Amino acid sequence: MPDTEVEVVVKTDAGLGEGPVWDPVTNRLLWLDMHKKTLHSSDPATGDTRTLRLDVVPGCLAPTRTKRILYGTPTGFFVTDDLTGPGEPLAEVEAGKPGNRMNDGKVDPFGRMWLGTIDLGLTPGEGAFYRLHGNVVTLAVGGLTIPNGLAFAAAGDVCYLVDTGAKCVLRLDLDVDSGDVRGRSTFADLSGLPGVADGMAIDDRGRLWIALYQGGALCCLAPDGSTERMVELPVSCPSSVVFGGSELDTLFVTTGCGRLSEEQRAEQPLAGSVLAIDTGSRGLAPVPFAD
């Protein structure tokens, strides 16, 4: 049984809830369901959720400085006004690779969106990591397989990136002005943890919180890369995490039920819901995309 109290924020049956982002302007949680091709905006206080259905699989989303919502698709980025419609195209990503799609993304402290792409067949080396600044997309790191959750140090000079295929967290040293990658190293080996590493968030003490998909837990890595804490959950497929709430002291957890059997779903009634836990930590202030 979980050793931490779990709150249900949105009771639902997301096939693969993903990409949670806290919007401090509206005090709402933005998230998506990749399996059902939907974007969501939820009020944690009431559970009220607004939904936009798409014709394609979304990969990531974020609020913008102009109070719109940016989201990524297999063909590129779009912006929409508060999930009222599919929106307008902003930038293409890997237009020449129809077998690829976006997998995860996050805005850095300077308002730039970073995103990973994967080959649908998970071909080694066909994934990549990009940076979106305005409407310009730049390749940051190539030759990846499953770039996944990411988080930025408070100063914006370091990006931590989960490489699910390699079972590790990469450390990318960045030039804060240009965003160019100046160095790359392995920050933490995750091969001994249950499940596979998925979405990730950073707290104000520089610790990384990682969802372990099919591992039924969250892992907290200390600033030196060692495993500091494991938090068991009442679901086997947590997919991503983000700190939010008025004090940024609530860790929201998206989950999935799409790969569970009927028996497993009966045993895990919260699978697919959005959960929240108190970790005793605070997150960093979120930054909107500079559109």
C-alpha atoms as a PDB file:
ATOM      1  CA  MET A   1       0.000   0.000   0.000  1.00  0.00           C
ATOM      2  CA  PRO A   2       1.196   3.599  -0.645  1.00  0.00           C
ATOM      3  CA  ASP A   3       3.034   5.185   2.282  1.00  0.00           C
ATOM      4  CA  THR A   4       1.938   8.695   1.210  1.00  0.00           C
ATOM      5  CA  GLU A   5      -1.620  10.033   1.217  1.00  0.00           C
ATOM      6  CA  VAL A   6      -2.979  10.345  -2.306  1.00  0.00           C
ATOM      7  CA  GLU A   7      -5.685  12.809  -3.333  1.00  0.00           C
ATOM      8  CA  VAL A   8      -7.797  12.365  -6.456  1.00  0.00           C
ATOM      9  CA  VAL A   9      -7.848  15.609  -8.435  1.00  0.00           C
ATOM     10  CA  VAL A  10      -9.688  14.395 -11.536  1.00  0.00           C
ATOM     11  CA  LYS A  11     -11.419  11.007 -11.445  1.00  0.00           C
ATOM     12  CA  THR A  12     -11.278   9.742 -15.008  1.00  0.00           C
ATOM     13  CA  ASP A  13     -10.023   6.877 -17.168  1.00  0.00           C
ATOM     14  CA  ALA A  14      -7.289   8.424 -19.287  1.00  0.00           C
ATOM     15  CA  GLY A  15      -5.658   5.870 -21.541  1.00  0.00           C
ATOM     16  CA  LEU A  16      -2.356   7.681 -21.099  1.00  0.00           C
ATOM     17  CA  GLY A  17      -2.532  10.911 -19.124  1.00  0.00           C
ATOM     18  CA  GLU A  18       0.601  12.959 -19.799  1.00  0.00           C
ATOM     19  CA  GLY A  19       2.297  16.344 -19.995  1.00  0.00           C
ATOM     20  CA  PRO A  20       0.956  18.048 -16.828  1.00  0.00           C
ATOM     21  CA  VAL A  21       1.719  21.781 -16.597  1.00  0.00           C
ATOM     22  CA  TRP A  22       0.647  24.222 -13.901  1.00  0.00           C
ATOM     23  CA  ASP A  23      -0.789  27.543 -15.102  1.00  0.00           C
ATOM     24  CA  PRO A  24      -0.394  30.069 -12.257  1.00  0.00           C
ATOM     25  CA  VAL A  25      -2.475  32.697 -14.071  1.00  0.00           C
ATOM     26  CA  THR A  26      -5.636  30.594 -14.136  1.00  0.00           C
ATOM     27  CA  ASN A  27      -4.708  28.264 -11.224  1.00  0.00           C
ATOM     28  CA  ARG A  28      -5.517  25.323 -13.456  1.00  0.00           C
ATOM     29  CA  LEU A  29      -3.689  22.159 -14.390  1.00  0.00           C
ATOM     30  CA  LEU A  30      -3.132  21.564 -18.094  1.00  0.00           C
ATOM     31  CA  TRP A  31      -2.646  17.947 -19.177  1.00  0.00           C
ATOM     32  CA  LEU A  32      -3.348  15.614 -22.068  1.00  0.00           C
ATOM     33  CA  ASP A  33      -4.444  12.085 -22.874  1.00  0.00           C
ATOM     34  CA  MET A  34      -2.345  10.695 -25.702  1.00  0.00           C
ATOM     35  CA  HIS A  35      -4.545   7.644 -26.287  1.00  0.00           C
ATOM     36  CA  LYS A  36      -7.759   9.653 -26.565  1.00  0.00           C
ATOM     37  CA  LYS A  37      -6.145  12.582 -28.444  1.00  0.00           C
ATOM     38  CA  THR A  38      -7.420  15.160 -25.969  1.00  0.00           C
ATOM     39  CA  LEU A  39      -6.130  18.265 -24.179  1.00  0.00           C
ATOM     40  CA  HIS A  40      -7.504  19.140 -20.742  1.00  0.00           C
ATOM     41  CA  SER A  41      -7.626  22.119 -18.389  1.00  0.00           C
ATOM     42  CA  SER A  42      -8.660  21.154 -14.836  1.00  0.00           C
ATOM     43  CA  ASP A  43      -9.437  23.100 -11.678  1.00  0.00           C
ATOM     44  CA  PRO A  44      -7.909  21.062  -8.823  1.00  0.00           C
ATOM     45  CA  ALA A  45     -10.242  22.664  -6.297  1.00  0.00           C
ATOM     46  CA  THR A  46     -13.421  21.480  -8.019  1.00  0.00           C
ATOM     47  CA  GLY A  47     -12.352  18.861 -10.543  1.00  0.00           C
ATOM     48  CA  ASP A  48     -13.983  20.939 -13.300  1.00  0.00           C
ATOM     49  CA  THR A  49     -12.309  19.981 -16.578  1.00  0.00           C
ATOM     50  CA  ARG A  50     -12.493  21.551 -20.036  1.00  0.00           C
ATOM     51  CA  THR A  51     -11.497  19.340 -22.959  1.00  0.00           C
ATOM     52  CA  LEU A  52     -10.389  19.815 -26.558  1.00  0.00           C
ATOM     53  CA  ARG A  53     -10.479  16.780 -28.858  1.00  0.00           C
ATOM     54  CA  LEU A  54      -7.905  16.593 -31.639  1.00  0.00           C
ATOM     55  CA  ASP A  55      -7.519  14.522 -34.789  1.00  0.00           C
ATOM     56  CA  VAL A  56      -3.896  13.725 -33.944  1.00  0.00           C
ATOM     57  CA  VAL A  57      -1.904  12.530 -30.930  1.00  0.00           C
ATOM     58  CA  PRO A  58      -0.718  15.444 -28.750  1.00  0.00           C
ATOM     59  CA  GLY A  59       2.724  15.252 -27.185  1.00  0.00           C
ATOM     60  CA  CYS A  60       3.079  18.302 -24.935  1.00  0.00           C
ATOM     61  CA  LEU A  61       1.453  21.612 -24.059  1.00  0.00           C
ATOM     62  CA  ALA A  62       2.098  24.852 -22.167  1.00  0.00           C
ATOM     63  CA  PRO A  63       0.476  28.202 -21.429  1.00  0.00           C
ATOM     64  CA  THR A  64       1.881  31.173 -23.330  1.00  0.00           C
ATOM     65  CA  ARG A  65       2.649  34.776 -22.378  1.00  0.00           C
ATOM     66  CA  THR A  66      -0.324  35.907 -24.491  1.00  0.00           C
ATOM     67  CA  LYS A  67      -2.604  33.658 -22.413  1.00  0.00           C
ATOM     68  CA  ARG A  68      -3.063  31.091 -25.143  1.00  0.00           C
ATOM     69  CA  ILE A  69      -2.139  27.396 -25.038  1.00  0.00           C
ATOM     70  CA  LEU A  70       0.707  25.901 -27.052  1.00  0.00           C
ATOM     71  CA  TYR A  71       0.550  22.211 -27.926  1.00  0.00           C
ATOM     72  CA  GLY A  72       2.635  19.816 -29.976  1.00  0.00           C
ATOM     73  CA  THR A  73       1.477  17.228 -32.518  1.00  0.00           C
ATOM     74  CA  PRO A  74       3.269  14.770 -34.828  1.00  0.00           C
ATOM     75  CA  THR A  75       3.558  17.535 -37.446  1.00  0.00           C
ATOM     76  CA  GLY A  76       4.458  20.496 -35.262  1.00  0.00           C
ATOM     77  CA  PHE A  77       3.185  23.128 -32.851  1.00  0.00           C
ATOM     78  CA  PHE A  78      -0.169  24.882 -32.680  1.00  0.00           C
ATOM     79  CA  VAL A  79      -1.588  27.619 -30.449  1.00  0.00           C
ATOM     80  CA  THR A  80      -5.206  27.760 -29.317  1.00  0.00           C
ATOM     81  CA  ASP A  81      -7.306  30.170 -27.262  1.00  0.00           C
ATOM     82  CA  ASP A  82      -8.176  28.375 -24.014  1.00  0.00           C
ATOM     83  CA  LEU A  83      -9.011  25.033 -25.670  1.00  0.00           C
ATOM     84  CA  THR A  84     -11.843  26.594 -27.679  1.00  0.00           C
ATOM     85  CA  GLY A  85     -10.684  25.087 -30.969  1.00  0.00           C
ATOM     86  CA  PRO A  86      -7.747  23.353 -32.665  1.00  0.00           C
ATOM     87  CA  GLY A  87      -5.962  26.671 -33.134  1.00  0.00           C
ATOM     88  CA  GLU A  88      -3.368  27.948 -35.578  1.00  0.00           C
ATOM     89  CA  PRO A  89      -0.107  26.325 -36.730  1.00  0.00           C
ATOM     90  CA  LEU A  90       3.061  27.865 -35.294  1.00  0.00           C
ATOM     91  CA  ALA A  91       6.024  25.733 -36.380  1.00  0.00           C
ATOM     92  CA  GLU A  92       6.750  22.424 -38.103  1.00  0.00           C
ATOM     93  CA  VAL A  93       8.852  19.736 -36.431  1.00  0.00           C
ATOM     94  CA  GLU A  94      10.365  16.823 -38.380  1.00  0.00           C
ATOM     95  CA  ALA A  95       8.039  17.375 -41.321  1.00  0.00           C
ATOM     96  CA  GLY A  96      10.110  14.883 -43.296  1.00  0.00           C
ATOM     97  CA  LYS A  97       9.686  12.097 -40.738  1.00  0.00           C
ATOM     98  CA  PRO A  98       6.031  10.954 -40.836  1.00  0.00           C
ATOM     99  CA  GLY A  99       6.915   7.963 -38.639  1.00  0.00           C
ATOM    100  CA  ASN A 100       7.920  10.176 -35.739  1.00  0.00           C
ATOM    101  CA  ARG A 101       5.886  12.052 -33.146  1.00  0.00           C
ATOM    102  CA  MET A 102       6.468  14.365 -30.193  1.00  0.00           C
ATOM    103  CA  ASN A 103       6.839  12.631 -26.850  1.00  0.00           C
ATOM    104  CA  ASP A 104       7.296  15.266 -24.145  1.00  0.00           C
ATOM    105  CA  GLY A 105       8.204  18.924 -23.773  1.00  0.00           C
ATOM    106  CA  LYS A 106       8.695  21.721 -21.286  1.00  0.00           C
ATOM    107  CA  VAL A 107       9.403  25.461 -21.174  1.00  0.00           C
ATOM    108  CA  ASP A 108      12.766  26.596 -19.795  1.00  0.00           C
ATOM    109  CA  PRO A 109      13.275  29.619 -17.477  1.00  0.00           C
ATOM    110  CA  PHE A 110      13.683  31.881 -20.528  1.00  0.00           C
ATOM    111  CA  GLY A 111      10.404  30.988 -22.222  1.00  0.00           C
ATOM    112  CA  ARG A 112      11.793  28.533 -24.770  1.00  0.00           C
ATOM    113  CA  MET A 113       9.981  25.233 -25.353  1.00  0.00           C
ATOM    114  CA  TRP A 114      12.096  22.057 -25.459  1.00  0.00           C
ATOM    115  CA  LEU A 115      10.684  18.835 -26.859  1.00  0.00           C
ATOM    116  CA  GLY A 116      11.627  15.275 -27.659  1.00  0.00           C
ATOM    117  CA  THR A 117      10.567  13.186 -30.642  1.00  0.00           C
ATOM    118  CA  ILE A 118      10.453   9.410 -31.048  1.00  0.00           C
ATOM    119  CA  ASP A 119      10.092   6.959 -33.894  1.00  0.00           C
ATOM    120  CA  LEU A 120       6.810   5.051 -33.553  1.00  0.00           C
ATOM    121  CA  GLY A 121       8.719   1.811 -33.996  1.00  0.00           C
ATOM    122  CA  LEU A 122      11.200   2.920 -31.323  1.00  0.00           C
ATOM    123  CA  THR A 123      14.101   2.547 -33.758  1.00  0.00           C
ATOM    124  CA  PRO A 124      17.318   3.329 -31.874  1.00  0.00           C
ATOM    125  CA  GLY A 125      18.801   6.690 -32.810  1.00  0.00           C
ATOM    126  CA  GLU A 126      15.713   7.999 -34.643  1.00  0.00           C
ATOM    127  CA  GLY A 127      14.576  10.232 -31.772  1.00  0.00           C
ATOM    128  CA  ALA A 128      15.833  13.746 -31.141  1.00  0.00           C
ATOM    129  CA  PHE A 129      15.624  16.721 -28.787  1.00  0.00           C
ATOM    130  CA  TYR A 130      14.661  20.159 -30.109  1.00  0.00           C
ATOM    131  CA  ARG A 131      14.283  23.759 -28.934  1.00  0.00           C
ATOM    132  CA  LEU A 132      11.426  26.036 -30.023  1.00  0.00           C
ATOM    133  CA  HIS A 133      12.128  29.777 -29.680  1.00  0.00           C
ATOM    134  CA  GLY A 134       9.358  31.957 -31.080  1.00  0.00           C
ATOM    135  CA  ASN A 135       8.485  30.013 -34.223  1.00  0.00           C
ATOM    136  CA  VAL A 136      12.009  28.729 -34.918  1.00  0.00           C
ATOM    137  CA  VAL A 137      12.832  25.068 -34.225  1.00  0.00           C
ATOM    138  CA  THR A 138      16.476  24.086 -33.625  1.00  0.00           C
ATOM    139  CA  LEU A 139      17.943  20.603 -33.201  1.00  0.00           C
ATOM    140  CA  ALA A 140      19.620  20.383 -29.780  1.00  0.00           C
ATOM    141  CA  VAL A 141      20.560  16.683 -29.511  1.00  0.00           C
ATOM    142  CA  GLY A 142      20.167  13.933 -32.104  1.00  0.00           C
ATOM    143  CA  GLY A 143      20.593  10.185 -32.096  1.00  0.00           C
ATOM    144  CA  LEU A 144      18.243   9.452 -29.183  1.00  0.00           C
ATOM    145  CA  THR A 145      15.630   6.701 -28.940  1.00  0.00           C
ATOM    146  CA  ILE A 146      13.037   7.718 -26.313  1.00  0.00           C
ATOM    147  CA  PRO A 147      13.690  11.247 -24.997  1.00  0.00           C
ATOM    148  CA  ASN A 148      11.127  11.647 -22.251  1.00  0.00           C
ATOM    149  CA  GLY A 149      10.607  13.761 -19.128  1.00  0.00           C
ATOM    150  CA  LEU A 150      12.728  16.869 -18.681  1.00  0.00           C
ATOM    151  CA  ALA A 151      13.430  19.547 -16.098  1.00  0.00           C
ATOM    152  CA  PHE A 152      15.549  22.682 -15.884  1.00  0.00           C
ATOM    153  CA  ALA A 153      17.759  23.951 -13.078  1.00  0.00           C
ATOM    154  CA  ALA A 154      16.573  27.269 -11.654  1.00  0.00           C
ATOM    155  CA  ALA A 155      19.333  29.206 -13.438  1.00  0.00           C
ATOM    156  CA  GLY A 156      18.433  27.616 -16.775  1.00  0.00           C
ATOM    157  CA  ASP A 157      22.003  26.492 -17.372  1.00  0.00           C
ATOM    158  CA  VAL A 158      21.260  22.762 -17.012  1.00  0.00           C
ATOM    159  CA  CYS A 159      18.571  20.564 -18.547  1.00  0.00           C
ATOM    160  CA  TYR A 160      17.917  17.098 -17.152  1.00  0.00           C
ATOM    161  CA  LEU A 161      16.456  14.701 -19.713  1.00  0.00           C
ATOM    162  CA  VAL A 162      15.128  11.194 -19.139  1.00  0.00           C
ATOM    163  CA  ASP A 163      16.428   8.803 -21.799  1.00  0.00           C
ATOM    164  CA  THR A 164      13.969   5.962 -21.323  1.00  0.00           C
ATOM    165  CA  GLY A 165      15.683   3.731 -23.852  1.00  0.00           C
ATOM    166  CA  ALA A 166      19.062   4.041 -22.115  1.00  0.00           C
ATOM    167  CA  LYS A 167      17.476   3.868 -18.621  1.00  0.00           C
ATOM    168  CA  CYS A 168      19.193   7.001 -17.416  1.00  0.00           C
ATOM    169  CA  VAL A 169      18.880  10.735 -16.840  1.00  0.00           C
ATOM    170  CA  LEU A 170      21.108  12.857 -19.064  1.00  0.00           C
ATOM    171  CA  ARG A 171      22.566  16.190 -17.986  1.00  0.00           C
ATOM    172  CA  LEU A 172      22.788  18.809 -20.721  1.00  0.00           C
ATOM    173  CA  ASP A 173      24.858  21.917 -19.963  1.00  0.00           C
ATOM    174  CA  LEU A 174      23.342  24.896 -21.749  1.00  0.00           C
ATOM    175  CA  ASP A 175      24.414  28.344 -22.866  1.00  0.00           C
ATOM    176  CA  VAL A 176      21.754  30.451 -21.147  1.00  0.00           C
ATOM    177  CA  ASP A 177      21.678  33.105 -23.876  1.00  0.00           C
ATOM    178  CA  SER A 178      21.439  30.931 -26.971  1.00  0.00           C
ATOM    179  CA  GLY A 179      20.155  27.694 -25.446  1.00  0.00           C
ATOM    180  CA  ASP A 180      22.889  25.759 -27.252  1.00  0.00           C
ATOM    181  CA  VAL A 181      24.025  22.489 -25.649  1.00  0.00           C
ATOM    182  CA  ARG A 182      27.643  22.883 -24.445  1.00  0.00           C
ATOM    183  CA  GLY A 183      28.059  19.532 -22.739  1.00  0.00           C
ATOM    184  CA  ARG A 184      26.333  16.180 -22.254  1.00  0.00           C
ATOM    185  CA  SER A 185      26.824  13.542 -19.570  1.00  0.00           C
ATOM    186  CA  THR A 186      24.948  10.816 -17.683  1.00  0.00           C
ATOM    187  CA  PHE A 187      23.524  12.215 -14.455  1.00  0.00           C
ATOM    188  CA  ALA A 188      21.882   9.084 -13.033  1.00  0.00           C
ATOM    189  CA  ASP A 189      21.593   5.382 -13.883  1.00  0.00           C
ATOM    190  CA  LEU A 190      17.960   4.245 -13.526  1.00  0.00           C
ATOM    191  CA  SER A 191      18.397   0.623 -14.585  1.00  0.00           C
ATOM    192  CA  GLY A 192      17.795  -0.713 -11.063  1.00  0.00           C
ATOM    193  CA  LEU A 193      14.415   0.986 -10.606  1.00  0.00           C
ATOM    194  CA  PRO A 194      11.023  -0.661 -11.230  1.00  0.00           C
ATOM    195  CA  GLY A 195       9.186   0.070 -14.460  1.00  0.00           C
ATOM    196  CA  VAL A 196      10.485   2.655 -16.918  1.00  0.00           C
ATOM    197  CA  ALA A 197      11.318   6.298 -16.264  1.00  0.00           C
ATOM    198  CA  ASP A 198       8.779   8.699 -17.750  1.00  0.00           C
ATOM    199  CA  GLY A 199       7.835  12.302 -16.856  1.00  0.00           C
ATOM    200  CA  MET A 200       9.903  14.394 -14.460  1.00  0.00           C
ATOM    201  CA  ALA A 201       9.809  17.566 -12.328  1.00  0.00           C
ATOM    202  CA  ILE A 202      12.407  19.450 -10.278  1.00  0.00           C
ATOM    203  CA  ASP A 203      11.909  20.965  -6.822  1.00  0.00           C
ATOM    204  CA  ASP A 204      13.455  24.048  -5.220  1.00  0.00           C
ATOM    205  CA  ARG A 205      16.219  21.945  -3.673  1.00  0.00           C
ATOM    206  CA  GLY A 206      17.343  20.634  -7.023  1.00  0.00           C
ATOM    207  CA  ARG A 207      15.858  17.164  -6.545  1.00  0.00           C
ATOM    208  CA  LEU A 208      14.299  15.348  -9.486  1.00  0.00           C
ATOM    209  CA  TRP A 209      10.936  13.579  -9.148  1.00  0.00           C
ATOM    210  CA  ILE A 210      10.394  10.892 -11.793  1.00  0.00           C
ATOM    211  CA  ALA A 211       7.263   8.886 -12.617  1.00  0.00           C
ATOM    212  CA  LEU A 212       8.035   5.184 -12.998  1.00  0.00           C
ATOM    213  CA  TYR A 213       5.580   3.907 -15.603  1.00  0.00           C
ATOM    214  CA  GLN A 214       4.572   0.303 -14.925  1.00  0.00           C
ATOM    215  CA  GLY A 215       6.604   0.626 -11.723  1.00  0.00           C
ATOM    216  CA  GLY A 216       3.780   1.940  -9.526  1.00  0.00           C
ATOM    217  CA  ALA A 217       5.939   4.591  -7.899  1.00  0.00           C
ATOM    218  CA  LEU A 218       7.744   7.900  -8.037  1.00  0.00           C
ATOM    219  CA  CYS A 219      11.498   8.176  -7.591  1.00  0.00           C
ATOM    220  CA  CYS A 220      13.194  11.197  -6.040  1.00  0.00           C
ATOM    221  CA  LEU A 221      16.809  11.754  -7.073  1.00  0.00           C
ATOM    222  CA  ALA A 222      19.108  13.861  -4.896  1.00  0.00           C
ATOM    223  CA  PRO A 223      21.206  16.630  -6.515  1.00  0.00           C
ATOM    224  CA  ASP A 224      24.108  14.170  -6.770  1.00  0.00           C
ATOM    225  CA  GLY A 225      22.019  11.700  -8.786  1.00  0.00           C
ATOM    226  CA  SER A 226      21.531   9.134  -6.028  1.00  0.00           C
ATOM    227  CA  THR A 227      18.080   7.752  -5.207  1.00  0.00           C
ATOM    228  CA  GLU A 228      16.876   9.606  -2.122  1.00  0.00           C
ATOM    229  CA  ARG A 229      13.297   8.398  -1.847  1.00  0.00           C
ATOM    230  CA  MET A 230      10.678   6.143  -3.426  1.00  0.00           C
ATOM    231  CA  VAL A 231       6.950   6.944  -3.185  1.00  0.00           C
ATOM    232  CA  GLU A 232       4.583   4.066  -3.886  1.00  0.00           C
ATOM    233  CA  LEU A 233       1.280   4.835  -5.607  1.00  0.00           C
ATOM    234  CA  PRO A 234      -2.066   2.993  -5.849  1.00  0.00           C
ATOM    235  CA  VAL A 235      -1.665   2.724  -9.638  1.00  0.00           C
ATOM    236  CA  SER A 236       0.930   0.862 -11.668  1.00  0.00           C
ATOM    237  CA  CYS A 237       1.268   3.368 -14.514  1.00  0.00           C
ATOM    238  CA  PRO A 238       2.085   6.892 -13.296  1.00  0.00           C
ATOM    239  CA  SER A 239       3.237   8.784 -16.369  1.00  0.00           C
ATOM    240  CA  SER A 240       4.311  12.298 -15.406  1.00  0.00           C
ATOM    241  CA  VAL A 241       4.465  14.859 -12.601  1.00  0.00           C
ATOM    242  CA  VAL A 242       4.440  18.609 -12.018  1.00  0.00           C
ATOM    243  CA  PHE A 243       4.478  20.870  -8.966  1.00  0.00           C
ATOM    244  CA  GLY A 244       1.516  23.224  -8.737  1.00  0.00           C
ATOM    245  CA  GLY A 245      -0.999  24.880  -6.460  1.00  0.00           C
ATOM    246  CA  SER A 246      -0.850  28.377  -4.980  1.00  0.00           C
ATOM    247  CA  GLU A 247       2.350  27.545  -3.069  1.00  0.00           C
ATOM    248  CA  LEU A 248       3.735  25.128  -5.685  1.00  0.00           C
ATOM    249  CA  ASP A 249       3.810  22.486  -2.952  1.00  0.00           C
ATOM    250  CA  THR A 250       1.454  19.927  -4.511  1.00  0.00           C
ATOM    251  CA  LEU A 251       2.860  17.284  -6.825  1.00  0.00           C
ATOM    252  CA  PHE A 252       0.268  16.413  -9.476  1.00  0.00           C
ATOM    253  CA  VAL A 253       0.588  12.974 -11.068  1.00  0.00           C
ATOM    254  CA  THR A 254      -0.938  11.899 -14.376  1.00  0.00           C
ATOM    255  CA  THR A 255      -1.603   8.188 -14.852  1.00  0.00           C
ATOM    256  CA  GLY A 256      -2.812   5.749 -17.487  1.00  0.00           C
ATOM    257  CA  CYS A 257      -5.033   2.698 -17.732  1.00  0.00           C
ATOM    258  CA  GLY A 258      -4.824   1.939 -21.441  1.00  0.00           C
ATOM    259  CA  ARG A 259      -2.443  -0.998 -21.072  1.00  0.00           C
ATOM    260  CA  LEU A 260      -4.153  -2.617 -18.108  1.00  0.00           C
ATOM    261  CA  SER A 261      -6.269  -5.754 -18.270  1.00  0.00           C
ATOM    262  CA  GLU A 262      -9.847  -5.687 -16.997  1.00  0.00           C
ATOM    263  CA  GLU A 263      -8.663  -7.440 -13.850  1.00  0.00           C
ATOM    264  CA  GLN A 264      -5.927  -4.865 -13.290  1.00  0.00           C
ATOM    265  CA  ARG A 265      -8.380  -2.011 -13.796  1.00  0.00           C
ATOM    266  CA  ALA A 266     -10.652  -3.499 -11.163  1.00  0.00           C
ATOM    267  CA  GLU A 267      -7.702  -3.708  -8.769  1.00  0.00           C
ATOM    268  CA  GLN A 268      -6.634  -0.129  -9.587  1.00  0.00           C
ATOM    269  CA  PRO A 269      -9.798   2.014  -9.639  1.00  0.00           C
ATOM    270  CA  LEU A 270      -7.716   5.220  -9.753  1.00  0.00           C
ATOM    271  CA  ALA A 271      -5.763   4.196 -12.846  1.00  0.00           C
ATOM    272  CA  GLY A 272      -6.191   6.873 -15.496  1.00  0.00           C
ATOM    273  CA  SER A 273      -7.035   9.605 -12.964  1.00  0.00           C
ATOM    274  CA  VAL A 274      -5.029  12.692 -12.075  1.00  0.00           C
ATOM    275  CA  LEU A 275      -3.667  12.376  -8.540  1.00  0.00           C
ATOM    276  CA  ALA A 276      -1.937  14.710  -6.100  1.00  0.00           C
ATOM    277  CA  ILE A 277       0.476  14.111  -3.219  1.00  0.00           C
ATOM    278  CA  ASP A 278       2.292  16.236  -0.667  1.00  0.00           C
ATOM    279  CA  THR A 279       6.009  15.477  -0.927  1.00  0.00           C
ATOM    280  CA  GLY A 280       7.107  18.131   1.540  1.00  0.00           C
ATOM    281  CA  SER A 281       8.777  19.931  -1.365  1.00  0.00           C
ATOM    282  CA  ARG A 282       8.055  22.967  -3.521  1.00  0.00           C
ATOM    283  CA  GLY A 283       8.519  23.313  -7.229  1.00  0.00           C
ATOM    284  CA  LEU A 284      10.065  26.147  -9.220  1.00  0.00           C
ATOM    285  CA  ALA A 285       7.850  28.912 -10.547  1.00  0.00           C
ATOM    286  CA  PRO A 286       6.557  27.882 -13.992  1.00  0.00           C
ATOM    287  CA  VAL A 287       7.408  30.063 -16.978  1.00  0.00           C
ATOM    288  CA  PRO A 288       5.016  30.511 -19.925  1.00  0.00           C
ATOM    289  CA  PHE A 289       6.131  30.024 -23.512  1.00  0.00           C
ATOM    290  CA  ALA A 290       7.317  33.296 -25.062  1.00  0.00           C
ATOM    291  CA  ASP A 291       5.053  33.446 -28.094  1.00  0.00           C
END
